[in-house]
Protein backbone atom coordinates (compact mmCIF):
# COMPACT_ATOMS: atom_id res chain seq x y z
CA MET A 1 4.38 13.20 -2.47
CA ASP A 2 1.27 12.90 -4.82
CA ILE A 3 -1.39 12.07 -2.51
CA LEU A 4 0.06 14.63 -0.17
CA LYS A 5 -0.41 17.32 -2.95
CA GLU A 6 -4.36 15.98 -3.82
CA ARG A 7 -4.63 16.02 0.21
CA TYR A 8 -3.61 19.77 0.87
CA ALA A 9 -5.89 20.85 -3.07
CA HIS A 10 -8.48 19.77 -1.40
CA GLY A 11 -8.93 21.26 1.79
CA GLU A 12 -8.42 17.50 3.64
CA ILE A 13 -5.18 18.86 5.62
CA ASP A 14 -4.13 22.46 6.13
CA LYS A 15 -0.91 24.20 5.63
CA ASP A 16 1.01 23.32 9.01
CA ALA A 17 -0.26 19.64 8.43
CA PHE A 18 1.07 20.06 4.71
CA ASP A 19 4.53 21.67 5.10
CA SER A 20 5.24 18.91 8.24
CA LYS A 21 4.55 16.20 6.14
CA ARG A 22 5.79 17.41 3.68
CA LYS A 23 9.60 18.41 5.25
CA ASP A 24 9.07 14.13 6.35
CA LEU A 25 9.11 12.93 3.26
CA LEU A 26 12.28 15.37 2.62
CA GLY A 27 13.99 14.06 5.09
């Protein structure tokens, strides 16, 4: 999850990708 936040903060993934990946991680 921290890695995902870092990638999002660095602009490597957009908000839609961040939200969908976060949902996958949280179930």
